[in-house]
Amino acid sequence: MKDLIQAHKKLIKTVKDQMGFSDYGMYWLAFLEGGLTIWLLDRIFFHWLKF
């Protein structure tokens, strides 16, 4: 599990450095990604599949 955590931290640092984001920018990116994911799931389950 420690290896997975270290790999994730390394990936986040790499993305942050390549995109030139601050910590604050990364928080906004995660927030927007989560919002987009929820919106897509809403469209799939409640509009296309008619649950």
Protein backbone atom coordinates (compact mmCIF):
# COMPACT_ATOMS: atom_id res chain seq x y z
CA MET A 1 0.00 0.00 0.00
CA LYS A 2 2.87 2.37 0.73
CA ASP A 3 4.15 1.89 -2.82
CA LEU A 4 0.76 2.85 -4.23
CA ILE A 5 0.65 6.00 -2.10
CA GLN A 6 4.17 6.98 -3.13
CA ALA A 7 3.36 6.37 -6.82
CA HIS A 8 0.24 8.53 -6.52
CA LYS A 9 2.16 11.36 -4.85
CA LYS A 10 4.81 11.19 -7.59
CA LEU A 11 2.13 11.29 -10.31
CA ILE A 12 0.41 14.28 -8.72
CA LYS A 13 3.73 16.14 -8.41
CA THR A 14 4.58 15.37 -12.05
CA VAL A 15 1.22 16.64 -13.32
CA LYS A 16 1.45 19.71 -11.10
CA ASP A 17 4.93 20.55 -12.37
CA GLN A 18 4.13 19.91 -16.05
CA MET A 19 0.97 22.03 -15.98
CA GLY A 20 2.48 24.75 -13.81
CA PHE A 21 -0.34 24.63 -11.25
CA SER A 22 -0.08 25.63 -7.62
CA ASP A 23 -1.64 23.55 -4.85
CA TYR A 24 -4.69 25.79 -5.10
CA GLY A 25 -4.91 25.14 -8.85
CA MET A 26 -4.73 21.40 -8.26
CA TYR A 27 -7.62 21.66 -5.78
CA TRP A 28 -9.72 23.43 -8.40
CA LEU A 29 -8.78 20.84 -11.02
CA ALA A 30 -9.89 18.02 -8.70
CA PHE A 31 -13.13 19.88 -7.90
CA LEU A 32 -13.96 20.38 -11.58
CA GLU A 33 -13.05 16.79 -12.42
CA GLY A 34 -15.39 15.56 -9.68
CA GLY A 35 -18.18 17.82 -10.88
CA LEU A 36 -17.79 16.61 -14.44
CA THR A 37 -17.82 12.99 -13.30
CA ILE A 38 -21.03 13.47 -11.30
CA TRP A 39 -22.66 15.30 -14.21
CA LEU A 40 -21.78 12.46 -16.62
CA LEU A 41 -23.06 9.80 -14.22
CA ASP A 42 -26.27 11.78 -13.81
CA ARG A 43 -26.72 11.93 -17.58
CA ILE A 44 -26.06 8.21 -17.99
CA PHE A 45 -28.25 6.91 -15.18
CA PHE A 46 -31.14 9.36 -15.02
CA HIS A 47 -31.51 10.52 -18.61
CA TRP A 48 -30.32 7.71 -20.90
CA LEU A 49 -31.25 4.69 -18.80
CA LYS A 50 -34.39 6.27 -17.26
CA PHE A 51 -33.86 5.14 -13.63
